């Protein structure tokens, strides 16, 4: 099963931010999308908000390595 939502610790790792800064950003994204406190932020919403490549972030968070698939052409 693939992961569809993102949390503040993952945001911190991706952007190289401190946990408190990542939590503030997550709250900002929720506000921008009109989400309530208990609702999750999807990977797509995060990528759209930060102008990041969705496929690359999605694959990274789900442990999908496309580079190894491309090299195995034998």
N, C-alpha and C. Protein backbone atom coordinates (compact mmCIF):
# COMPACT_ATOMS: atom_id res chain seq x y z
N UNK A 1 0.83 -1.18 0.00
CA UNK A 1 0.00 0.00 0.00
C UNK A 1 0.88 1.25 0.00
N UNK A 2 0.53 2.21 -0.78
CA UNK A 2 1.32 3.43 -0.93
C UNK A 2 0.88 4.50 0.07
N UNK A 3 1.83 5.27 0.52
CA UNK A 3 1.58 6.39 1.43
C UNK A 3 1.07 7.57 0.63
N UNK A 4 -0.03 8.19 1.05
CA UNK A 4 -0.64 9.30 0.32
C UNK A 4 -0.48 10.64 1.04
N UNK A 5 -0.28 10.61 2.35
CA UNK A 5 -0.20 11.84 3.13
C UNK A 5 1.21 12.03 3.68
N UNK A 6 1.49 13.25 4.09
CA UNK A 6 2.82 13.61 4.58
C UNK A 6 2.69 14.20 5.97
N UNK A 7 3.71 14.00 6.79
CA UNK A 7 3.70 14.57 8.14
C UNK A 7 4.85 15.56 8.31
N UNK A 8 4.87 16.23 9.44
CA UNK A 8 5.85 17.30 9.64
C UNK A 8 7.29 16.79 9.69
N UNK A 9 7.51 15.59 10.22
CA UNK A 9 8.88 15.07 10.27
C UNK A 9 9.42 14.81 8.86
N UNK A 10 8.56 14.32 7.98
CA UNK A 10 8.99 14.10 6.59
C UNK A 10 9.23 15.42 5.88
N UNK A 11 8.39 16.41 6.16
CA UNK A 11 8.59 17.74 5.58
C UNK A 11 9.93 18.30 6.02
N UNK A 12 10.24 18.14 7.30
CA UNK A 12 11.52 18.61 7.82
C UNK A 12 12.71 17.96 7.14
N UNK A 13 12.61 16.67 6.89
CA UNK A 13 13.70 15.95 6.23
C UNK A 13 13.84 16.40 4.78
N UNK A 14 12.73 16.50 4.06
CA UNK A 14 12.76 16.88 2.65
C UNK A 14 13.34 18.28 2.47
N UNK A 15 12.89 19.22 3.31
CA UNK A 15 13.30 20.61 3.15
C UNK A 15 14.52 21.00 3.99
N UNK A 16 14.96 20.08 4.86
CA UNK A 16 16.10 20.39 5.72
C UNK A 16 15.77 21.44 6.76
N UNK A 17 14.55 21.34 7.32
CA UNK A 17 14.08 22.31 8.31
C UNK A 17 14.02 21.68 9.69
N UNK A 18 14.05 22.53 10.71
CA UNK A 18 13.89 22.07 12.08
C UNK A 18 12.45 21.60 12.27
N UNK A 19 12.23 20.70 13.24
CA UNK A 19 10.86 20.19 13.46
C UNK A 19 9.83 21.30 13.69
N UNK A 20 10.17 22.31 14.46
CA UNK A 20 9.20 23.38 14.73
C UNK A 20 8.85 24.15 13.46
N UNK A 21 9.83 24.38 12.61
CA UNK A 21 9.58 25.07 11.34
C UNK A 21 8.72 24.22 10.42
N UNK A 22 8.98 22.91 10.39
CA UNK A 22 8.19 21.99 9.57
C UNK A 22 6.75 21.93 10.06
N UNK A 23 6.54 21.98 11.38
CA UNK A 23 5.19 21.97 11.93
C UNK A 23 4.43 23.25 11.56
N UNK A 24 5.13 24.38 11.60
CA UNK A 24 4.51 25.65 11.20
C UNK A 24 4.12 25.62 9.73
N UNK A 25 5.00 25.07 8.89
CA UNK A 25 4.70 24.97 7.47
C UNK A 25 3.49 24.07 7.23
N UNK A 26 3.42 22.96 7.95
CA UNK A 26 2.28 22.05 7.81
C UNK A 26 0.98 22.77 8.19
N UNK A 27 1.00 23.57 9.26
CA UNK A 27 -0.18 24.35 9.64
C UNK A 27 -0.53 25.37 8.56
N UNK A 28 0.48 25.99 7.96
CA UNK A 28 0.26 26.97 6.90
C UNK A 28 -0.39 26.31 5.69
N UNK A 29 0.07 25.11 5.33
CA UNK A 29 -0.50 24.37 4.20
C UNK A 29 -1.95 24.01 4.51
N UNK A 30 -2.22 23.54 5.73
CA UNK A 30 -3.60 23.21 6.10
C UNK A 30 -4.50 24.44 6.00
N UNK A 31 -4.00 25.59 6.45
CA UNK A 31 -4.77 26.84 6.36
C UNK A 31 -5.04 27.19 4.90
N UNK A 32 -4.03 27.05 4.06
CA UNK A 32 -4.16 27.40 2.64
C UNK A 32 -5.21 26.53 1.94
N UNK A 33 -5.33 25.29 2.36
CA UNK A 33 -6.29 24.37 1.74
C UNK A 33 -7.60 24.26 2.53
N UNK A 34 -7.75 25.08 3.57
CA UNK A 34 -8.98 25.09 4.34
C UNK A 34 -9.23 23.80 5.11
N UNK A 35 -8.17 23.16 5.56
CA UNK A 35 -8.30 21.89 6.28
C UNK A 35 -8.42 22.13 7.77
N UNK A 36 -9.13 21.23 8.42
CA UNK A 36 -9.26 21.29 9.87
C UNK A 36 -8.05 20.63 10.51
N UNK A 37 -7.92 20.85 11.82
CA UNK A 37 -6.76 20.36 12.56
C UNK A 37 -6.55 18.86 12.42
N UNK A 38 -7.62 18.08 12.40
CA UNK A 38 -7.52 16.62 12.35
C UNK A 38 -7.31 16.08 10.93
N UNK A 39 -7.43 16.92 9.91
CA UNK A 39 -7.30 16.45 8.53
C UNK A 39 -5.83 16.41 8.10
N UNK A 40 -5.52 15.46 7.26
CA UNK A 40 -4.15 15.27 6.77
C UNK A 40 -3.88 16.09 5.52
N UNK A 41 -2.59 16.31 5.28
CA UNK A 41 -2.15 16.98 4.05
C UNK A 41 -1.59 15.89 3.13
N UNK A 42 -2.04 15.89 1.89
CA UNK A 42 -1.54 14.89 0.95
C UNK A 42 -0.17 15.30 0.41
N UNK A 43 0.51 14.33 -0.13
CA UNK A 43 1.82 14.60 -0.74
C UNK A 43 1.65 15.58 -1.90
N UNK A 44 0.58 15.42 -2.67
CA UNK A 44 0.33 16.32 -3.80
C UNK A 44 0.10 17.76 -3.33
N UNK A 45 -0.68 17.94 -2.27
CA UNK A 45 -0.92 19.28 -1.74
C UNK A 45 0.38 19.92 -1.29
N UNK A 46 1.21 19.14 -0.59
CA UNK A 46 2.51 19.64 -0.15
C UNK A 46 3.37 20.04 -1.34
N UNK A 47 3.44 19.18 -2.34
CA UNK A 47 4.27 19.46 -3.52
C UNK A 47 3.76 20.68 -4.29
N UNK A 48 2.45 20.78 -4.45
CA UNK A 48 1.87 21.94 -5.13
C UNK A 48 2.19 23.23 -4.37
N UNK A 49 2.05 23.19 -3.05
CA UNK A 49 2.29 24.37 -2.22
C UNK A 49 3.75 24.80 -2.30
N UNK A 50 4.67 23.85 -2.29
CA UNK A 50 6.11 24.13 -2.29
C UNK A 50 6.73 24.14 -3.69
N UNK A 51 5.92 23.91 -4.72
CA UNK A 51 6.41 23.84 -6.11
C UNK A 51 7.52 22.80 -6.25
N UNK A 52 7.26 21.61 -5.74
CA UNK A 52 8.21 20.50 -5.83
C UNK A 52 7.65 19.45 -6.78
N UNK A 53 8.53 18.64 -7.39
CA UNK A 53 8.07 17.60 -8.32
C UNK A 53 7.37 16.47 -7.56
N UNK A 54 6.08 16.31 -7.83
CA UNK A 54 5.25 15.34 -7.11
C UNK A 54 5.80 13.91 -7.21
N UNK A 55 6.07 13.45 -8.42
CA UNK A 55 6.50 12.06 -8.60
C UNK A 55 7.76 11.74 -7.82
N UNK A 56 8.70 12.66 -7.84
CA UNK A 56 9.97 12.45 -7.15
C UNK A 56 9.76 12.34 -5.63
N UNK A 57 8.96 13.23 -5.07
CA UNK A 57 8.68 13.21 -3.63
C UNK A 57 7.86 11.98 -3.26
N UNK A 58 6.84 11.67 -4.06
CA UNK A 58 6.00 10.49 -3.81
C UNK A 58 6.85 9.22 -3.79
N UNK A 59 7.71 9.07 -4.79
CA UNK A 59 8.56 7.88 -4.86
C UNK A 59 9.53 7.81 -3.69
N UNK A 60 10.09 8.95 -3.30
CA UNK A 60 11.03 8.98 -2.19
C UNK A 60 10.33 8.55 -0.89
N UNK A 61 9.15 9.09 -0.62
CA UNK A 61 8.43 8.76 0.61
C UNK A 61 7.93 7.32 0.64
N UNK A 62 7.71 6.75 -0.53
CA UNK A 62 7.22 5.37 -0.61
C UNK A 62 8.33 4.36 -0.87
N UNK A 63 9.58 4.82 -0.89
CA UNK A 63 10.70 3.92 -1.06
C UNK A 63 10.79 3.30 -2.43
N UNK A 64 10.31 4.02 -3.44
CA UNK A 64 10.35 3.52 -4.81
C UNK A 64 11.61 4.07 -5.47
N UNK A 65 12.45 3.16 -5.95
CA UNK A 65 13.70 3.57 -6.61
C UNK A 65 13.59 3.29 -8.09
N UNK A 66 13.28 4.32 -8.85
CA UNK A 66 13.12 4.16 -10.30
C UNK A 66 14.45 4.04 -11.02
N UNK A 67 15.53 4.52 -10.42
CA UNK A 67 16.85 4.44 -11.04
C UNK A 67 17.28 2.99 -11.23
N UNK A 68 17.00 2.14 -10.24
CA UNK A 68 17.40 0.73 -10.35
C UNK A 68 16.56 0.01 -11.41
N UNK A 69 15.31 0.45 -11.62
CA UNK A 69 14.48 -0.16 -12.65
C UNK A 69 15.00 0.18 -14.05
N UNK A 70 15.53 1.38 -14.21
CA UNK A 70 16.02 1.82 -15.52
C UNK A 70 17.35 1.15 -15.88
N UNK A 71 18.15 0.80 -14.88
CA UNK A 71 19.46 0.21 -15.16
C UNK A 71 19.39 -1.29 -15.42
N UNK A 72 18.30 -1.92 -15.06
CA UNK A 72 18.20 -3.38 -15.25
C UNK A 72 17.54 -3.69 -16.60
N UNK A 73 18.28 -3.41 -17.68
CA UNK A 73 17.76 -3.64 -19.02
C UNK A 73 18.36 -4.88 -19.67
N UNK A 74 19.07 -5.70 -18.92
CA UNK A 74 19.70 -6.90 -19.48
C UNK A 74 18.73 -8.02 -19.63
